[in-house]
Amino acid sequence: MTQIGNLLMVMNVVILALWPLLGVVALFRLRSVEMSDVARVGWAAVILVIPVLGAIAFFLVGKPANGKA
């Protein structure tokens, strides 16, 4: 196998290992953020339906505007 093939294989393993961890961390963080129940359910759906991107989006834009989380 080439070096690029080895690198891709390692990246796949890392992504597969971090995928559930990122989702779980995002869901636990969601519990501690102050927001309406509708928004909380919406974010949970986004995190679960769009696994990696949903969690990343929550970490980027899911915090309240006043910064209290």
N, C-alpha and C. Protein backbone atom coordinates (compact mmCIF):
# COMPACT_ATOMS: atom_id res chain seq x y z
N MET A 1 0.84 -1.18 0.00
CA MET A 1 0.00 0.00 0.00
C MET A 1 0.89 1.25 0.00
N THR A 2 0.43 2.26 -0.67
CA THR A 2 1.22 3.48 -0.75
C THR A 2 1.04 4.31 0.51
N GLN A 3 1.86 5.33 0.62
CA GLN A 3 1.75 6.20 1.80
C GLN A 3 0.43 6.94 1.82
N ILE A 4 -0.06 7.34 0.65
CA ILE A 4 -1.35 8.02 0.59
C ILE A 4 -2.46 7.07 1.01
N GLY A 5 -2.37 5.82 0.58
CA GLY A 5 -3.37 4.83 0.98
C GLY A 5 -3.36 4.61 2.48
N ASN A 6 -2.18 4.54 3.08
CA ASN A 6 -2.07 4.39 4.54
C ASN A 6 -2.65 5.60 5.25
N LEU A 7 -2.36 6.80 4.74
CA LEU A 7 -2.87 8.02 5.35
C LEU A 7 -4.40 8.05 5.29
N LEU A 8 -4.97 7.67 4.15
CA LEU A 8 -6.42 7.65 4.02
C LEU A 8 -7.04 6.63 4.97
N MET A 9 -6.40 5.50 5.14
CA MET A 9 -6.92 4.48 6.04
C MET A 9 -6.90 4.99 7.49
N VAL A 10 -5.83 5.66 7.88
CA VAL A 10 -5.74 6.21 9.23
C VAL A 10 -6.79 7.30 9.43
N MET A 11 -6.97 8.15 8.42
CA MET A 11 -7.98 9.21 8.52
C MET A 11 -9.38 8.62 8.67
N ASN A 12 -9.68 7.54 7.96
CA ASN A 12 -10.98 6.89 8.09
C ASN A 12 -11.19 6.36 9.50
N VAL A 13 -10.17 5.76 10.07
CA VAL A 13 -10.28 5.22 11.43
C VAL A 13 -10.50 6.36 12.43
N VAL A 14 -9.78 7.46 12.27
CA VAL A 14 -9.91 8.60 13.17
C VAL A 14 -11.32 9.20 13.06
N ILE A 15 -11.80 9.36 11.85
CA ILE A 15 -13.14 9.92 11.66
C ILE A 15 -14.19 9.00 12.26
N LEU A 16 -14.07 7.72 12.02
CA LEU A 16 -15.04 6.78 12.59
C LEU A 16 -14.99 6.73 14.10
N ALA A 17 -13.83 6.96 14.69
CA ALA A 17 -13.71 6.96 16.15
C ALA A 17 -14.27 8.25 16.74
N LEU A 18 -14.06 9.37 16.06
CA LEU A 18 -14.50 10.66 16.60
C LEU A 18 -15.96 10.96 16.31
N TRP A 19 -16.54 10.32 15.31
CA TRP A 19 -17.91 10.59 14.91
C TRP A 19 -18.88 10.42 16.07
N PRO A 20 -18.95 9.26 16.73
CA PRO A 20 -19.90 9.14 17.84
C PRO A 20 -19.53 10.02 19.03
N LEU A 21 -18.25 10.19 19.27
CA LEU A 21 -17.81 11.02 20.38
C LEU A 21 -18.25 12.47 20.19
N LEU A 22 -18.09 12.99 18.99
CA LEU A 22 -18.50 14.36 18.70
C LEU A 22 -20.00 14.54 18.90
N GLY A 23 -20.79 13.57 18.44
CA GLY A 23 -22.24 13.65 18.61
C GLY A 23 -22.66 13.60 20.06
N VAL A 24 -22.05 12.72 20.83
CA VAL A 24 -22.38 12.60 22.26
C VAL A 24 -22.01 13.88 23.01
N VAL A 25 -20.84 14.41 22.73
CA VAL A 25 -20.40 15.65 23.38
C VAL A 25 -21.36 16.79 23.02
N ALA A 26 -21.76 16.87 21.76
CA ALA A 26 -22.68 17.93 21.34
C ALA A 26 -24.03 17.78 22.04
N LEU A 27 -24.53 16.55 22.18
CA LEU A 27 -25.81 16.36 22.85
C LEU A 27 -25.73 16.70 24.34
N PHE A 28 -24.63 16.36 24.99
CA PHE A 28 -24.48 16.73 26.40
C PHE A 28 -24.34 18.25 26.55
N ARG A 29 -23.63 18.87 25.62
CA ARG A 29 -23.48 20.33 25.66
C ARG A 29 -24.84 21.00 25.42
N LEU A 30 -25.64 20.39 24.56
CA LEU A 30 -26.97 20.91 24.27
C LEU A 30 -27.82 20.98 25.53
N ARG A 31 -27.64 20.01 26.42
CA ARG A 31 -28.42 20.00 27.66
C ARG A 31 -28.11 21.19 28.54
N SER A 32 -26.89 21.72 28.48
CA SER A 32 -26.49 22.80 29.38
C SER A 32 -26.71 24.20 28.80
N VAL A 33 -27.08 24.29 27.54
CA VAL A 33 -27.29 25.60 26.92
C VAL A 33 -28.73 26.03 27.14
N GLU A 34 -28.90 27.29 27.51
CA GLU A 34 -30.24 27.82 27.73
C GLU A 34 -30.87 28.16 26.39
N MET A 35 -31.97 27.49 26.07
CA MET A 35 -32.74 27.77 24.87
C MET A 35 -34.11 27.14 25.03
N SER A 36 -35.01 27.48 24.14
CA SER A 36 -36.37 26.94 24.22
C SER A 36 -36.34 25.44 23.92
N ASP A 37 -37.39 24.77 24.37
CA ASP A 37 -37.48 23.33 24.13
C ASP A 37 -37.56 23.01 22.63
N VAL A 38 -38.24 23.86 21.88
CA VAL A 38 -38.36 23.65 20.44
C VAL A 38 -36.98 23.75 19.79
N ALA A 39 -36.20 24.74 20.17
CA ALA A 39 -34.86 24.89 19.62
C ALA A 39 -33.98 23.72 20.03
N ARG A 40 -34.12 23.28 21.26
CA ARG A 40 -33.32 22.14 21.75
C ARG A 40 -33.64 20.87 20.96
N VAL A 41 -34.92 20.61 20.71
CA VAL A 41 -35.31 19.44 19.92
C VAL A 41 -34.82 19.57 18.48
N GLY A 42 -34.90 20.78 17.95
CA GLY A 42 -34.40 21.02 16.60
C GLY A 42 -32.91 20.74 16.48
N TRP A 43 -32.12 21.26 17.44
CA TRP A 43 -30.69 21.01 17.43
C TRP A 43 -30.37 19.53 17.62
N ALA A 44 -31.12 18.86 18.48
CA ALA A 44 -30.88 17.42 18.67
C ALA A 44 -31.14 16.67 17.37
N ALA A 45 -32.19 17.05 16.66
CA ALA A 45 -32.49 16.40 15.38
C ALA A 45 -31.37 16.66 14.37
N VAL A 46 -30.88 17.89 14.31
CA VAL A 46 -29.80 18.22 13.38
C VAL A 46 -28.54 17.42 13.72
N ILE A 47 -28.22 17.36 15.01
CA ILE A 47 -27.01 16.63 15.45
C ILE A 47 -27.13 15.15 15.11
N LEU A 48 -28.31 14.58 15.26
CA LEU A 48 -28.48 13.14 15.01
C LEU A 48 -28.66 12.80 13.53
N VAL A 49 -29.33 13.67 12.77
CA VAL A 49 -29.61 13.38 11.37
C VAL A 49 -28.40 13.69 10.48
N ILE A 50 -27.67 14.73 10.80
CA ILE A 50 -26.48 15.10 10.03
C ILE A 50 -25.29 14.93 10.97
N PRO A 51 -24.81 13.72 11.16
CA PRO A 51 -23.92 13.39 12.27
C PRO A 51 -22.75 14.33 12.51
N VAL A 52 -21.79 14.41 11.67
CA VAL A 52 -20.60 15.21 11.96
C VAL A 52 -20.88 16.69 11.74
N LEU A 53 -21.48 17.04 10.63
CA LEU A 53 -21.74 18.45 10.32
C LEU A 53 -22.74 19.06 11.29
N GLY A 54 -23.73 18.30 11.73
CA GLY A 54 -24.70 18.81 12.69
C GLY A 54 -24.06 19.19 14.01
N ALA A 55 -23.17 18.34 14.51
CA ALA A 55 -22.47 18.64 15.76
C ALA A 55 -21.55 19.83 15.61
N ILE A 56 -20.84 19.89 14.49
CA ILE A 56 -19.95 21.04 14.25
C ILE A 56 -20.76 22.32 14.15
N ALA A 57 -21.89 22.27 13.45
CA ALA A 57 -22.75 23.45 13.33
C ALA A 57 -23.25 23.89 14.70
N PHE A 58 -23.61 22.94 15.55
CA PHE A 58 -24.07 23.31 16.90
C PHE A 58 -22.96 24.01 17.67
N PHE A 59 -21.74 23.49 17.60
CA PHE A 59 -20.64 24.13 18.32
C PHE A 59 -20.34 25.52 17.77
N LEU A 60 -20.57 25.74 16.48
CA LEU A 60 -20.29 27.05 15.88
C LEU A 60 -21.39 28.06 16.10
N VAL A 61 -22.65 27.67 15.95
CA VAL A 61 -23.75 28.64 15.99
C VAL A 61 -24.82 28.34 17.03
N GLY A 62 -24.73 27.28 17.76
CA GLY A 62 -25.79 26.89 18.68
C GLY A 62 -25.73 27.56 20.04
N LYS A 63 -24.76 28.40 20.26
CA LYS A 63 -24.64 29.06 21.57
C LYS A 63 -25.56 30.28 21.61
N PRO A 64 -26.08 30.60 22.77
CA PRO A 64 -26.95 31.79 22.87
C PRO A 64 -26.17 33.06 22.58
N ALA A 65 -26.91 34.07 22.12
CA ALA A 65 -26.28 35.33 21.73
C ALA A 65 -25.62 36.06 22.90
N ASN A 66 -26.13 35.88 24.13
CA ASN A 66 -25.58 36.60 25.27
C ASN A 66 -24.30 35.95 25.81
N GLY A 67 -23.93 34.80 25.27
CA GLY A 67 -22.69 34.13 25.68
C GLY A 67 -22.78 33.34 26.95
N LYS A 68 -23.95 33.29 27.59
CA LYS A 68 -24.11 32.51 28.81
C LYS A 68 -24.52 31.10 28.43
N ALA A 69 -23.62 30.16 28.69
CA ALA A 69 -23.94 28.77 28.36
C ALA A 69 -23.53 27.88 29.50
